Each structure stands twice: as structure tokens, then as C-alpha cells.
C-alpha atoms as a PDB file:
ATOM      1  CA  MET A   1      57.861-196.609 -62.006  1.00  0.00           C
ATOM      2  CA  ASN A   2      58.889-196.820 -65.657  1.00  0.00           C
ATOM      3  CA  GLU A   3      62.519-198.010 -65.155  1.00  0.00           C
ATOM      4  CA  ILE A   4      63.551-201.260 -63.504  1.00  0.00           C
ATOM      5  CA  LEU A   5      65.699-200.318 -60.504  1.00  0.00           C
ATOM      6  CA  TYR A   6      69.455-200.527 -60.668  1.00  0.00           C
ATOM      7  CA  SER A   7      70.805-202.325 -57.551  1.00  0.00           C
ATOM      8  CA  VAL A   8      73.220-199.667 -56.493  1.00  0.00           C
ATOM      9  CA  ASP A   9      74.488-201.615 -53.437  1.00  0.00           C
ATOM     10  CA  ASP A  10      75.099-204.901 -55.254  1.00  0.00           C
ATOM     11  CA  ALA A  11      76.945-202.974 -58.092  1.00  0.00           C
ATOM     12  CA  MET A  12      78.930-201.218 -55.503  1.00  0.00           C
ATOM     13  CA  LEU A  13      79.724-204.495 -53.698  1.00  0.00           C
ATOM     14  CA  LEU A  14      80.579-206.204 -56.885  1.00  0.00           C
ATOM     15  CA  LEU A  15      82.998-203.422 -57.772  1.00  0.00           C
ATOM     16  CA  GLY A  16      84.496-203.909 -54.498  1.00  0.00           C
ATOM     17  CA  CYS A  17      85.017-207.595 -55.047  1.00  0.00           C
ATOM     18  CA  PHE A  18      86.655-206.945 -58.318  1.00  0.00           C
ATOM     19  CA  ALA A  19      88.814-204.253 -56.702  1.00  0.00           C
ATOM     20  CA  ASN A  20      89.948-206.778 -54.081  1.00  0.00           C
ATOM     21  CA  LYS A  21      90.561-209.655 -56.483  1.00  0.00           C
ATOM     22  CA  PRO A  22      91.229-207.952 -59.964  1.00  0.00           C
ATOM     23  CA  ASN A  23      91.719-211.132 -61.832  1.00  0.00           C
ATOM     24  CA  LEU A  24      87.996-211.932 -61.319  1.00  0.00           C
ATOM     25  CA  MET A  25      87.347-209.403 -64.029  1.00  0.00           C
ATOM     26  CA  LEU A  26      89.249-211.515 -66.591  1.00  0.00           C
ATOM     27  CA  SER A  27      87.270-214.694 -65.578  1.00  0.00           C
ATOM     28  CA  THR A  28      84.738-215.999 -68.040  1.00  0.00           C
ATOM     29  CA  LYS A  29      82.601-216.785 -64.914  1.00  0.00           C
ATOM     30  CA  TYR A  30      82.100-213.075 -64.204  1.00  0.00           C
ATOM     31  CA  LYS A  31      81.586-211.664 -67.540  1.00  0.00           C
ATOM     32  CA  ILE A  32      80.179-208.220 -67.408  1.00  0.00           C
ATOM     33  CA  GLY A  33      78.114-206.993 -70.334  1.00  0.00           C
ATOM     34  CA  ASP A  34      77.804-203.505 -71.918  1.00  0.00           C
ATOM     35  CA  ASN A  35      74.528-202.875 -70.132  1.00  0.00           C
ATOM     36  CA  ASP A  36      75.296-204.353 -66.648  1.00  0.00           C
ATOM     37  CA  PHE A  37      76.386-200.905 -65.256  1.00  0.00           C
ATOM     38  CA  ARG A  38      73.977-198.800 -67.313  1.00  0.00           C
ATOM     39  CA  CYS A  39      70.580-197.730 -66.384  1.00  0.00           C
ATOM     40  CA  LYS A  40      68.536-194.833 -67.820  1.00  0.00           C
ATOM     41  CA  GLY A  41      67.613-192.555 -64.822  1.00  0.00           C
ATOM     42  CA  CYS A  42      70.301-193.883 -62.379  1.00  0.00           C
ATOM     43  CA  ASP A  43      73.165-191.629 -62.159  1.00  0.00           C
ATOM     44  CA  ASP A  44      75.101-193.999 -59.998  1.00  0.00           C
ATOM     45  CA  ALA A  45      75.229-196.560 -62.951  1.00  0.00           C
ATOM     46  CA  LYS A  46      77.324-194.131 -65.113  1.00  0.00           C
ATOM     47  CA  PHE A  47      79.906-193.807 -62.331  1.00  0.00           C
ATOM     48  CA  HIS A  48      79.949-197.588 -61.768  1.00  0.00           C
ATOM     49  CA  ASN A  49      80.374-198.201 -65.509  1.00  0.00           C
ATOM     50  CA  ILE A  50      83.452-195.809 -65.709  1.00  0.00           C
ATOM     51  CA  LEU A  51      84.911-197.292 -62.744  1.00  0.00           C
ATOM     52  CA  TYR A  52      84.419-200.995 -63.778  1.00  0.00           C
ATOM     53  CA  ARG A  53      85.833-200.107 -67.303  1.00  0.00           C
ATOM     54  CA  THR A  54      88.770-198.360 -65.800  1.00  0.00           C
ATOM     55  CA  MET A  55      89.532-201.319 -63.442  1.00  0.00           C
ATOM     56  CA  TYR A  56      89.093-203.741 -66.294  1.00  0.00           C
ATOM     57  CA  ASN A  57      91.475-201.900 -68.670  1.00  0.00           C
ATOM     58  CA  LEU A  58      94.027-201.643 -65.735  1.00  0.00           C
ATOM     59  CA  VAL A  59      93.876-205.351 -65.145  1.00  0.00           C
ATOM     60  CA  ALA A  60      93.913-206.239 -68.830  1.00  0.00           C
ATOM     61  CA  SER A  61      97.098-204.125 -69.130  1.00  0.00           C
ATOM     62  CA  GLY A  62      98.864-206.036 -66.395  1.00  0.00           C
ATOM     63  CA  ALA A  63      97.721-204.266 -63.107  1.00  0.00           C
ATOM     64  CA  GLU A  64      97.740-206.800 -60.219  1.00  0.00           C
ATOM     65  CA  GLU A  65      96.237-204.409 -57.653  1.00  0.00           C
ATOM     66  CA  ILE A  66      93.475-201.978 -57.818  1.00  0.00           C
ATOM     67  CA  ASP A  67      93.509-198.924 -55.546  1.00  0.00           C
ATOM     68  CA  ASN A  68      92.347-195.278 -55.666  1.00  0.00           C
ATOM     69  CA  VAL A  69      95.955-194.072 -56.811  1.00  0.00           C
ATOM     70  CA  VAL A  70      96.060-196.443 -59.789  1.00  0.00           C
ATOM     71  CA  VAL A  71      92.589-195.586 -60.834  1.00  0.00           C
ATOM     72  CA  ASP A  72      93.218-191.818 -60.442  1.00  0.00           C
ATOM     73  CA  THR A  73      96.507-191.984 -62.551  1.00  0.00           C
ATOM     74  CA  PHE A  74      94.406-193.883 -65.300  1.00  0.00           C
ATOM     75  CA  LEU A  75      91.367-191.538 -65.249  1.00  0.00           C
ATOM     76  CA  ARG A  76      93.426-188.406 -65.549  1.00  0.00           C
ATOM     77  CA  ASN A  77      93.736-189.293 -69.264  1.00  0.00           C
ATOM     78  CA  TYR A  78      90.057-189.045 -69.655  1.00  0.00           C
ATOM     79  CA  PRO A  79      88.893-185.606 -68.423  1.00  0.00           C
ATOM     80  CA  GLU A  80      85.174-186.109 -68.776  1.00  0.00           C
ATOM     81  CA  GLN A  81      85.171-189.406 -66.969  1.00  0.00           C
ATOM     82  CA  TYR A  82      87.626-188.107 -64.469  1.00  0.00           C
ATOM     83  CA  LYS A  83      85.380-185.118 -63.602  1.00  0.00           C
ATOM     84  CA  LEU A  84      82.347-187.341 -63.160  1.00  0.00           C
ATOM     85  CA  CYS A  85      84.132-189.747 -60.958  1.00  0.00           C
ATOM     86  CA  GLN A  86      85.353-186.760 -58.840  1.00  0.00           C
ATOM     87  CA  GLN A  87      81.813-185.927 -58.301  1.00  0.00           C
ATOM     88  CA  TYR A  88      81.321-189.207 -56.634  1.00  0.00           C
ATOM     89  CA  ASP A  89      84.497-188.843 -54.658  1.00  0.00           C
ATOM     90  CA  PHE A  90      86.129-192.006 -56.147  1.00  0.00           C
ATOM     91  CA  MET A  91      89.295-191.522 -54.122  1.00  0.00           C
ATOM     92  CA  ALA A  92      87.260-192.331 -50.948  1.00  0.00           C
ATOM     93  CA  PHE A  93      84.865-194.628 -52.669  1.00  0.00           C
ATOM     94  CA  ILE A  94      87.395-197.168 -53.825  1.00  0.00           C
ATOM     95  CA  PRO A  95      89.013-197.876 -50.433  1.00  0.00           C
ATOM     96  CA  GLU A  96      85.516-197.991 -48.871  1.00  0.00           C
ATOM     97  CA  ILE A  97      84.061-200.653 -51.342  1.00  0.00           C
ATOM     98  CA  LYS A  98      87.287-202.712 -50.974  1.00  0.00           C
ATOM     99  CA  ARG A  99      86.807-202.561 -47.115  1.00  0.00           C
ATOM    100  CA  VAL A 100      83.225-203.545 -47.155  1.00  0.00           C
ATOM    101  CA  ALA A 101      83.077-206.071 -49.999  1.00  0.00           C
ATOM    102  CA  SER A 102      83.453-209.764 -49.143  1.00  0.00           C
ATOM    103  CA  ASP A 103      85.056-211.894 -51.898  1.00  0.00           C
ATOM    104  CA  LYS A 104      82.864-214.806 -50.649  1.00  0.00           C
ATOM    105  CA  ASN A 105      79.839-213.067 -52.015  1.00  0.00           C
ATOM    106  CA  VAL A 106      81.091-212.068 -55.485  1.00  0.00           C
ATOM    107  CA  ALA A 107      78.879-214.730 -57.257  1.00  0.00           C
ATOM    108  CA  TYR A 108      75.802-213.344 -55.395  1.00  0.00           C
ATOM    109  CA  HIS A 109      76.365-209.710 -56.324  1.00  0.00           C
ATOM    110  CA  TYR A 110      77.206-210.640 -59.763  1.00  0.00           C
ATOM    111  CA  ASP A 111      73.930-212.569 -60.121  1.00  0.00           C
ATOM    112  CA  VAL A 112      71.932-209.505 -58.915  1.00  0.00           C
ATOM    113  CA  VAL A 113      73.670-207.208 -61.193  1.00  0.00           C
ATOM    114  CA  ARG A 114      73.111-209.458 -64.099  1.00  0.00           C
ATOM    115  CA  LYS A 115      69.477-210.034 -63.229  1.00  0.00           C
ATOM    116  CA  PHE A 116      68.578-206.387 -63.375  1.00  0.00           C
ATOM    117  CA  ALA A 117      70.564-205.884 -66.512  1.00  0.00           C
ATOM    118  CA  MET A 118      68.773-208.719 -68.277  1.00  0.00           C
ATOM    119  CA  LEU A 119      65.391-207.459 -67.080  1.00  0.00           C
ATOM    120  CA  ARG A 120      66.157-204.018 -68.452  1.00  0.00           C
ATOM    121  CA  GLU A 121      67.208-205.652 -71.667  1.00  0.00           C
ATOM    122  CA  TYR A 122      64.101-207.800 -71.950  1.00  0.00           C
ATOM    123  CA  LYS A 123      61.859-204.851 -71.242  1.00  0.00           C
ATOM    124  CA  ALA A 124      63.667-202.691 -73.852  1.00  0.00           C
ATOM    125  CA  LYS A 125      62.883-205.305 -76.449  1.00  0.00           C
ATOM    126  CA  GLY A 126      59.297-205.224 -75.809  1.00  0.00           C
ATOM    127  CA  PHE A 127      58.952-208.363 -73.421  1.00  0.00           C
ATOM    128  CA  ASP A 128      56.316-208.122 -70.692  1.00  0.00           C
ATOM    129  CA  ILE A 129      58.193-208.759 -67.463  1.00  0.00           C
ATOM    130  CA  HIS A 130      55.427-208.065 -65.024  1.00  0.00           C
ATOM    131  CA  GLU A 131      55.080-211.708 -63.928  1.00  0.00           C
ATOM    132  CA  ILE A 132      58.740-211.898 -62.907  1.00  0.00           C
ATOM    133  CA  TYR A 133      59.319-208.227 -61.645  1.00  0.00           C
ATOM    134  CA  ASP A 134      56.778-205.834 -60.313  1.00  0.00           C
ATOM    135  CA  GLU A 135      57.995-202.392 -61.238  1.00  0.00           C
ATOM    136  CA  THR A 136      55.135-200.775 -59.319  1.00  0.00           C
ATOM    137  CA  LYS A 137      56.335-202.154 -55.911  1.00  0.00           C
ATOM    138  CA  ASP A 138      58.427-199.872 -53.767  1.00  0.00           C
ATOM    139  CA  GLU A 139      61.845-201.565 -53.160  1.00  0.00           C
ATOM    140  CA  VAL A 140      61.707-200.940 -49.393  1.00  0.00           C
END
């Protein structure tokens, strides 16, 4: 395996926490970096990145609630991103992540998403990470 896995479940649950409590996205405690929802070879990451950026822009512009309707309205202005999000059925995805995410676990999901992002960044810069993450091991 050449690419560090992207934790799809933790990314999804973190997005659910943010959708349930949008102001968390503005907190310095849960700062998302440019590479946190990016992973070469992981199609879900691109969708998660678009969804996070959309939710963040909505909240930064004054939205107090995130739901599929407000996301749909915003994304319609960005046809390429809208098309990709439709492929992931974002209209059903958003209510589902809001339903399954527990705000009490936001710190845990944030830490996992950040951990994988930092490992990908270290590896990309040429650091040997095999002592802290075994890429050859099956995640199961």
C-alpha cells in the first residue's frame, strides 16, 4: 500500500459533528488544514473536502444551521462541485451524518482526521513514518 489510508468514517462523523454544531468550525480548537480532507487515491476525500468547505463558508457568512437544503442552495453556484456532491447523494448524506454523529465525540474524530493528515504530510516531505504507522497492515 503506497498511500496512507484516509479515515472515511472519522471524516464523515467529524462532518456530522460540524453540521450539528456549525460554530465548532469557527473555533480555533478544531482548525481544519488544507490537507485534512484530501488524500490521493481516496475519492471520498474530495467529496468531504467540498462539503466541509461549503459548510465552513456558510457558517462564516452567518448561517446558524447546516442542512441539506442550505448546502444545496450554496453548491448550485458551483456546478463542478455540485455534480460531484450529487454523485455522493449529499441530500441524503447530510441528514444521515447529522443523525449518527455525536457531538460528544468531536475531539476524537478531529484528532483521527488530523493524525492521518499529518502522517500524509510527513510522508510527502520524505520522512520515514514506518515506526509510527504500518502502511502494509490491512486496516481490518
